[in-house]
PDB file of N, CA and C in Angstrom:
ATOM      1  N   UNK A   1     -17.768  -2.583   6.688  1.00  0.00           N
ATOM      2  CA  UNK A   1     -16.585  -1.781   6.892  1.00  0.00           C
ATOM      3  C   UNK A   1     -16.631  -1.148   8.289  1.00  0.00           C
ATOM      4  N   UNK A   2     -15.556  -1.280   9.007  1.00  0.00           N
ATOM      5  CA  UNK A   2     -15.475  -0.772  10.375  1.00  0.00           C
ATOM      6  C   UNK A   2     -15.671   0.752  10.442  1.00  0.00           C
ATOM      7  N   UNK A   3     -15.062   1.482   9.526  1.00  0.00           N
ATOM      8  CA  UNK A   3     -15.166   2.944   9.554  1.00  0.00           C
ATOM      9  C   UNK A   3     -16.613   3.398   9.378  1.00  0.00           C
ATOM     10  N   UNK A   4     -17.333   2.774   8.481  1.00  0.00           N
ATOM     11  CA  UNK A   4     -18.729   3.155   8.250  1.00  0.00           C
ATOM     12  C   UNK A   4     -19.577   2.879   9.489  1.00  0.00           C
ATOM     13  N   UNK A   5     -19.281   1.772  10.167  1.00  0.00           N
ATOM     14  CA  UNK A   5     -20.019   1.447  11.385  1.00  0.00           C
ATOM     15  C   UNK A   5     -19.770   2.510  12.455  1.00  0.00           C
ATOM     16  N   UNK A   6     -18.526   2.955  12.559  1.00  0.00           N
ATOM     17  CA  UNK A   6     -18.202   4.002  13.539  1.00  0.00           C
ATOM     18  C   UNK A   6     -18.909   5.308  13.201  1.00  0.00           C
ATOM     19  N   UNK A   7     -18.937   5.653  11.911  1.00  0.00           N
ATOM     20  CA  UNK A   7     -19.601   6.892  11.497  1.00  0.00           C
ATOM     21  C   UNK A   7     -21.090   6.820  11.843  1.00  0.00           C
ATOM     22  N   UNK A   8     -21.728   5.698  11.551  1.00  0.00           N
ATOM     23  CA  UNK A   8     -23.147   5.557  11.898  1.00  0.00           C
ATOM     24  C   UNK A   8     -23.359   5.707  13.399  1.00  0.00           C
ATOM     25  N   UNK A   9     -22.434   5.144  14.174  1.00  0.00           N
ATOM     26  CA  UNK A   9     -22.556   5.216  15.632  1.00  0.00           C
ATOM     27  C   UNK A   9     -22.447   6.664  16.129  1.00  0.00           C
ATOM     28  N   UNK A  10     -21.450   7.395  15.665  1.00  0.00           N
ATOM     29  CA  UNK A  10     -21.298   8.783  16.144  1.00  0.00           C
ATOM     30  C   UNK A  10     -22.414   9.673  15.611  1.00  0.00           C
ATOM     31  N   UNK A  11     -22.996   9.328  14.469  1.00  0.00           N
ATOM     32  CA  UNK A  11     -24.165  10.086  13.999  1.00  0.00           C
ATOM     33  C   UNK A  11     -25.359   9.842  14.910  1.00  0.00           C
ATOM     34  N   UNK A  12     -25.556   8.583  15.319  1.00  0.00           N
ATOM     35  CA  UNK A  12     -26.654   8.277  16.242  1.00  0.00           C
ATOM     36  C   UNK A  12     -26.476   9.021  17.564  1.00  0.00           C
ATOM     37  N   UNK A  13     -25.227   9.165  17.999  1.00  0.00           N
ATOM     38  CA  UNK A  13     -24.959   9.877  19.254  1.00  0.00           C
ATOM     39  C   UNK A  13     -25.069  11.397  19.102  1.00  0.00           C
ATOM     40  N   UNK A  14     -25.143  11.874  17.887  1.00  0.00           N
ATOM     41  CA  UNK A  14     -25.247  13.314  17.657  1.00  0.00           C
ATOM     42  C   UNK A  14     -23.907  14.020  17.635  1.00  0.00           C
ATOM     43  N   UNK A  15     -22.814  13.261  17.584  1.00  0.00           N
ATOM     44  CA  UNK A  15     -21.480  13.869  17.554  1.00  0.00           C
ATOM     45  C   UNK A  15     -21.208  14.465  16.183  1.00  0.00           C
ATOM     46  N   UNK A  16     -21.664  13.782  15.144  1.00  0.00           N
ATOM     47  CA  UNK A  16     -21.559  14.279  13.772  1.00  0.00           C
ATOM     48  C   UNK A  16     -22.973  14.620  13.310  1.00  0.00           C
ATOM     49  N   UNK A  17     -23.147  15.843  12.872  1.00  0.00           N
ATOM     50  CA  UNK A  17     -24.468  16.279  12.413  1.00  0.00           C
ATOM     51  C   UNK A  17     -24.708  15.830  10.975  1.00  0.00           C
ATOM     52  N   UNK A  18     -25.956  15.914  10.551  1.00  0.00           N
ATOM     53  CA  UNK A  18     -26.289  15.593   9.159  1.00  0.00           C
ATOM     54  C   UNK A  18     -25.560  16.528   8.201  1.00  0.00           C
ATOM     55  N   UNK A  19     -25.424  17.786   8.595  1.00  0.00           N
ATOM     56  CA  UNK A  19     -24.727  18.777   7.754  1.00  0.00           C
ATOM     57  C   UNK A  19     -23.256  18.393   7.603  1.00  0.00           C
ATOM     58  N   UNK A  20     -22.614  18.016   8.711  1.00  0.00           N
ATOM     59  CA  UNK A  20     -21.210  17.611   8.650  1.00  0.00           C
ATOM     60  C   UNK A  20     -21.047  16.338   7.812  1.00  0.00           C
ATOM     61  N   UNK A  21     -21.940  15.396   7.997  1.00  0.00           N
ATOM     62  CA  UNK A  21     -21.876  14.153   7.233  1.00  0.00           C
ATOM     63  C   UNK A  21     -22.029  14.440   5.731  1.00  0.00           C
ATOM     64  N   UNK A  22     -22.948  15.321   5.368  1.00  0.00           N
ATOM     65  CA  UNK A  22     -23.138  15.675   3.957  1.00  0.00           C
ATOM     66  C   UNK A  22     -21.895  16.368   3.412  1.00  0.00           C
ATOM     67  N   UNK A  23     -21.261  17.228   4.217  1.00  0.00           N
ATOM     68  CA  UNK A  23     -20.046  17.918   3.772  1.00  0.00           C
ATOM     69  C   UNK A  23     -18.930  16.914   3.486  1.00  0.00           C
ATOM     70  N   UNK A  24     -18.809  15.886   4.315  1.00  0.00           N
ATOM     71  CA  UNK A  24     -17.795  14.855   4.092  1.00  0.00           C
ATOM     72  C   UNK A  24     -18.118  14.064   2.827  1.00  0.00           C
ATOM     73  N   UNK A  25     -19.371  13.708   2.643  1.00  0.00           N
ATOM     74  CA  UNK A  25     -19.764  12.998   1.426  1.00  0.00           C
ATOM     75  C   UNK A  25     -19.472  13.828   0.176  1.00  0.00           C
ATOM     76  N   UNK A  26     -19.766  15.127   0.238  1.00  0.00           N
ATOM     77  CA  UNK A  26     -19.496  16.014  -0.902  1.00  0.00           C
ATOM     78  C   UNK A  26     -17.997  16.095  -1.190  1.00  0.00           C
ATOM     79  N   UNK A  27     -17.200  16.232  -0.132  1.00  0.00           N
ATOM     80  CA  UNK A  27     -15.745  16.309  -0.298  1.00  0.00           C
ATOM     81  C   UNK A  27     -15.199  15.006  -0.879  1.00  0.00           C
ATOM     82  N   UNK A  28     -15.724  13.880  -0.413  1.00  0.00           N
ATOM     83  CA  UNK A  28     -15.299  12.578  -0.939  1.00  0.00           C
ATOM     84  C   UNK A  28     -15.580  12.503  -2.437  1.00  0.00           C
ATOM     85  N   UNK A  29     -16.758  12.942  -2.861  1.00  0.00           N
ATOM     86  CA  UNK A  29     -17.118  12.915  -4.277  1.00  0.00           C
ATOM     87  C   UNK A  29     -16.187  13.807  -5.101  1.00  0.00           C
ATOM     88  N   UNK A  30     -15.836  14.975  -4.554  1.00  0.00           N
ATOM     89  CA  UNK A  30     -14.919  15.879  -5.262  1.00  0.00           C
ATOM     90  C   UNK A  30     -13.548  15.234  -5.433  1.00  0.00           C
ATOM     91  N   UNK A  31     -13.044  14.610  -4.378  1.00  0.00           N
ATOM     92  CA  UNK A  31     -11.728  13.981  -4.445  1.00  0.00           C
ATOM     93  C   UNK A  31     -11.734  12.829  -5.449  1.00  0.00           C
ATOM     94  N   UNK A  32     -12.773  12.005  -5.409  1.00  0.00           N
ATOM     95  CA  UNK A  32     -12.841  10.885  -6.356  1.00  0.00           C
ATOM     96  C   UNK A  32     -12.914  11.380  -7.797  1.00  0.00           C
ATOM     97  N   UNK A  33     -13.613  12.483  -8.024  1.00  0.00           N
ATOM     98  CA  UNK A  33     -13.678  13.056  -9.379  1.00  0.00           C
ATOM     99  C   UNK A  33     -12.308  13.578  -9.813  1.00  0.00           C
ATOM    100  N   UNK A  34     -11.582  14.229  -8.896  1.00  0.00           N
ATOM    101  CA  UNK A  34     -10.238  14.717  -9.241  1.00  0.00           C
ATOM    102  C   UNK A  34      -9.291  13.555  -9.529  1.00  0.00           C
ATOM    103  N   UNK A  35      -9.391  12.484  -8.744  1.00  0.00           N
ATOM    104  CA  UNK A  35      -8.556  11.309  -8.998  1.00  0.00           C
ATOM    105  C   UNK A  35      -8.833  10.729 -10.376  1.00  0.00           C
ATOM    106  N   UNK A  36     -10.106  10.603 -10.706  1.00  0.00           N
ATOM    107  CA  UNK A  36     -10.495  10.028 -11.996  1.00  0.00           C
ATOM    108  C   UNK A  36      -9.971  10.862 -13.159  1.00  0.00           C
ATOM    109  N   UNK A  37     -10.036  12.196 -13.015  1.00  0.00           N
ATOM    110  CA  UNK A  37      -9.600  13.104 -14.080  1.00  0.00           C
ATOM    111  C   UNK A  37      -8.109  13.429 -13.994  1.00  0.00           C
ATOM    112  N   UNK A  38      -7.458  12.936 -12.929  1.00  0.00           N
ATOM    113  CA  UNK A  38      -6.058  13.293 -12.669  1.00  0.00           C
ATOM    114  C   UNK A  38      -5.910  14.820 -12.610  1.00  0.00           C
ATOM    115  N   UNK A  39      -6.824  15.440 -11.888  1.00  0.00           N
ATOM    116  CA  UNK A  39      -6.824  16.891 -11.767  1.00  0.00           C
ATOM    117  C   UNK A  39      -6.488  17.345 -10.367  1.00  0.00           C
ATOM    118  N   UNK A  40      -6.515  18.651 -10.156  1.00  0.00           N
ATOM    119  CA  UNK A  40      -6.229  19.218  -8.837  1.00  0.00           C
ATOM    120  C   UNK A  40      -4.859  18.777  -8.346  1.00  0.00           C
ATOM    121  N   UNK A  41      -4.770  18.397  -7.090  1.00  0.00           N
ATOM    122  CA  UNK A  41      -3.461  17.990  -6.548  1.00  0.00           C
ATOM    123  C   UNK A  41      -2.970  16.661  -7.113  1.00  0.00           C
ATOM    124  N   UNK A  42      -3.808  15.963  -7.889  1.00  0.00           N
ATOM    125  CA  UNK A  42      -3.426  14.673  -8.458  1.00  0.00           C
ATOM    126  C   UNK A  42      -2.911  14.799  -9.889  1.00  0.00           C
ATOM    127  N   UNK A  43      -2.828  16.022 -10.380  1.00  0.00           N
ATOM    128  CA  UNK A  43      -2.302  16.267 -11.724  1.00  0.00           C
ATOM    129  C   UNK A  43      -0.776  16.251 -11.682  1.00  0.00           C
ATOM    130  N   UNK A  44      -0.192  15.986 -12.805  1.00  0.00           N
ATOM    131  CA  UNK A  44       1.256  16.061 -12.977  1.00  0.00           C
ATOM    132  C   UNK A  44       2.009  15.190 -11.977  1.00  0.00           C
ATOM    133  N   UNK A  45       1.685  13.924 -11.947  1.00  0.00           N
ATOM    134  CA  UNK A  45       2.307  12.977 -11.005  1.00  0.00           C
ATOM    135  C   UNK A  45       3.809  12.880 -11.210  1.00  0.00           C
ATOM    136  N   UNK A  46       4.287  13.027 -12.447  1.00  0.00           N
ATOM    137  CA  UNK A  46       5.728  12.908 -12.710  1.00  0.00           C
ATOM    138  C   UNK A  46       6.506  14.003 -11.986  1.00  0.00           C
ATOM    139  N   UNK A  47       5.981  15.221 -11.986  1.00  0.00           N
ATOM    140  CA  UNK A  47       6.669  16.322 -11.308  1.00  0.00           C
ATOM    141  C   UNK A  47       6.699  16.096  -9.801  1.00  0.00           C
ATOM    142  N   UNK A  48       5.593  15.592  -9.253  1.00  0.00           N
ATOM    143  CA  UNK A  48       5.563  15.323  -7.807  1.00  0.00           C
ATOM    144  C   UNK A  48       6.523  14.205  -7.440  1.00  0.00           C
ATOM    145  N   UNK A  49       6.634  13.203  -8.292  1.00  0.00           N
ATOM    146  CA  UNK A  49       7.518  12.074  -8.005  1.00  0.00           C
ATOM    147  C   UNK A  49       8.984  12.507  -8.007  1.00  0.00           C
ATOM    148  N   UNK A  50       9.291  13.544  -8.778  1.00  0.00           N
ATOM    149  CA  UNK A  50      10.670  14.026  -8.856  1.00  0.00           C
ATOM    150  C   UNK A  50      11.016  15.010  -7.739  1.00  0.00           C
ATOM    151  N   UNK A  51      10.033  15.463  -6.978  1.00  0.00           N
ATOM    152  CA  UNK A  51      10.260  16.452  -5.925  1.00  0.00           C
ATOM    153  C   UNK A  51      11.135  15.870  -4.828  1.00  0.00           C
ATOM    154  N   UNK A  52      12.061  16.670  -4.325  1.00  0.00           N
ATOM    155  CA  UNK A  52      12.931  16.246  -3.237  1.00  0.00           C
ATOM    156  C   UNK A  52      13.015  17.347  -2.187  1.00  0.00           C
ATOM    157  N   UNK A  53      13.155  16.930  -0.947  1.00  0.00           N
ATOM    158  CA  UNK A  53      13.325  17.848   0.177  1.00  0.00           C
ATOM    159  C   UNK A  53      14.663  18.560   0.035  1.00  0.00           C
ATOM    160  N   UNK A  54      14.683  19.866   0.277  1.00  0.00           N
ATOM    161  CA  UNK A  54      15.914  20.636   0.237  1.00  0.00           C
ATOM    162  C   UNK A  54      16.582  20.513   1.603  1.00  0.00           C
ATOM    163  N   UNK A  55      17.781  19.967   1.687  1.00  0.00           N
ATOM    164  CA  UNK A  55      18.436  19.767   2.986  1.00  0.00           C
ATOM    165  C   UNK A  55      18.667  21.067   3.767  1.00  0.00           C
ATOM    166  N   UNK A  56      18.640  22.214   3.088  1.00  0.00           N
ATOM    167  CA  UNK A  56      18.851  23.470   3.806  1.00  0.00           C
ATOM    168  C   UNK A  56      17.582  23.962   4.519  1.00  0.00           C
ATOM    169  N   UNK A  57      16.427  23.350   4.222  1.00  0.00           N
ATOM    170  CA  UNK A  57      15.188  23.736   4.886  1.00  0.00           C
ATOM    171  C   UNK A  57      15.194  23.248   6.326  1.00  0.00           C
ATOM    172  N   UNK A  58      14.622  24.032   7.243  1.00  0.00           N
ATOM    173  CA  UNK A  58      14.567  23.568   8.637  1.00  0.00           C
ATOM    174  C   UNK A  58      13.626  22.374   8.789  1.00  0.00           C
ATOM    175  N   UNK A  59      13.880  21.574   9.790  1.00  0.00           N
ATOM    176  CA  UNK A  59      13.027  20.420  10.071  1.00  0.00           C
ATOM    177  C   UNK A  59      11.652  20.876  10.530  1.00  0.00           C
ATOM    178  N   UNK A  60      10.651  20.104  10.177  1.00  0.00           N
ATOM    179  CA  UNK A  60       9.291  20.396  10.635  1.00  0.00           C
ATOM    180  C   UNK A  60       9.183  20.106  12.122  1.00  0.00           C
ATOM    181  N   UNK A  61       8.371  20.899  12.803  1.00  0.00           N
ATOM    182  CA  UNK A  61       8.135  20.681  14.226  1.00  0.00           C
ATOM    183  C   UNK A  61       6.665  20.899  14.527  1.00  0.00           C
ATOM    184  N   UNK A  62       6.146  20.077  15.419  1.00  0.00           N
ATOM    185  CA  UNK A  62       4.772  20.250  15.853  1.00  0.00           C
ATOM    186  C   UNK A  62       4.687  21.446  16.788  1.00  0.00           C
ATOM    187  N   UNK A  63       3.560  22.173  16.776  1.00  0.00           N
ATOM    188  CA  UNK A  63       3.413  23.295  17.704  1.00  0.00           C
ATOM    189  C   UNK A  63       3.339  22.784  19.136  1.00  0.00           C
ATOM    190  N   UNK A  64       3.678  23.662  20.074  1.00  0.00           N
ATOM    191  CA  UNK A  64       3.583  23.272  21.473  1.00  0.00           C
ATOM    192  C   UNK A  64       2.127  23.078  21.845  1.00  0.00           C
ATOM    193  N   UNK A  65       1.887  22.221  22.814  1.00  0.00           N
ATOM    194  CA  UNK A  65       0.521  21.901  23.228  1.00  0.00           C
ATOM    195  C   UNK A  65      -0.190  23.127  23.774  1.00  0.00           C
ATOM    196  N   UNK A  66      -1.502  23.147  23.549  1.00  0.00           N
ATOM    197  CA  UNK A  66      -2.355  24.193  24.095  1.00  0.00           C
ATOM    198  C   UNK A  66      -3.052  23.595  25.303  1.00  0.00           C
ATOM    199  N   UNK A  67      -3.077  24.292  26.440  1.00  0.00           N
ATOM    200  CA  UNK A  67      -3.793  23.748  27.603  1.00  0.00           C
ATOM    201  C   UNK A  67      -5.244  23.443  27.242  1.00  0.00           C
ATOM    202  N   UNK A  68      -5.788  22.382  27.794  1.00  0.00           N
ATOM    203  CA  UNK A  68      -7.144  21.934  27.471  1.00  0.00           C
ATOM    204  C   UNK A  68      -8.171  23.046  27.643  1.00  0.00           C
ATOM    205  N   UNK A  69      -8.012  23.902  28.632  1.00  0.00           N
ATOM    206  CA  UNK A  69      -8.974  24.981  28.871  1.00  0.00           C
ATOM    207  C   UNK A  69      -8.989  25.974  27.716  1.00  0.00           C
ATOM    208  N   UNK A  70      -7.907  26.046  26.921  1.00  0.00           N
ATOM    209  CA  UNK A  70      -7.833  26.988  25.828  1.00  0.00           C
ATOM    210  C   UNK A  70      -8.445  26.473  24.541  1.00  0.00           C
ATOM    211  N   UNK A  71      -8.856  25.225  24.517  1.00  0.00           N
ATOM    212  CA  UNK A  71      -9.438  24.645  23.307  1.00  0.00           C
ATOM    213  C   UNK A  71     -10.929  24.888  23.280  1.00  0.00           C
ATOM    214  N   UNK A  72     -11.439  25.067  22.081  1.00  0.00           N
ATOM    215  CA  UNK A  72     -12.884  25.275  21.901  1.00  0.00           C
ATOM    216  C   UNK A  72     -13.383  24.246  20.901  1.00  0.00           C
ATOM    217  N   UNK A  73     -14.379  23.503  21.270  1.00  0.00           N
ATOM    218  CA  UNK A  73     -14.966  22.506  20.377  1.00  0.00           C
ATOM    219  C   UNK A  73     -15.765  23.214  19.292  1.00  0.00           C
ATOM    220  N   UNK A  74     -15.689  22.718  18.048  1.00  0.00           N
ATOM    221  CA  UNK A  74     -16.476  23.332  16.972  1.00  0.00           C
ATOM    222  C   UNK A  74     -17.962  23.123  17.210  1.00  0.00           C
ATOM    223  N   UNK A  75     -18.763  24.045  16.699  1.00  0.00           N
ATOM    224  CA  UNK A  75     -20.205  23.924  16.828  1.00  0.00           C
ATOM    225  C   UNK A  75     -20.837  23.959  15.450  1.00  0.00           C
ATOM    226  N   UNK A  76     -22.028  23.491  15.359  1.00  0.00           N
ATOM    227  CA  UNK A  76     -22.762  23.561  14.093  1.00  0.00           C
ATOM    228  C   UNK A  76     -22.223  22.592  13.075  1.00  0.00           C
ATOM    229  N   UNK A  77     -22.311  22.947  11.833  1.00  0.00           N
ATOM    230  CA  UNK A  77     -21.861  22.054  10.773  1.00  0.00           C
ATOM    231  C   UNK A  77     -21.134  22.780   9.779  1.00  0.00           C
TER     232      UNK A  77
END
């Protein structure tokens, strides 16, 4: 799988820490368990399927860009 190869590569480079990788694995396991049980956000599929956008709601918009100097890279895990 291409994605797994990329993850291994960025782990070797130290871009993704072991702590971050474990957090992703844990989150993946939680999501798969919720899917299996049809729980959490995956519960009540019929109600979600019937949901419709209200035309009176404003359109979504992306926030304006932040200058690169104002961004801070996350640290740790």
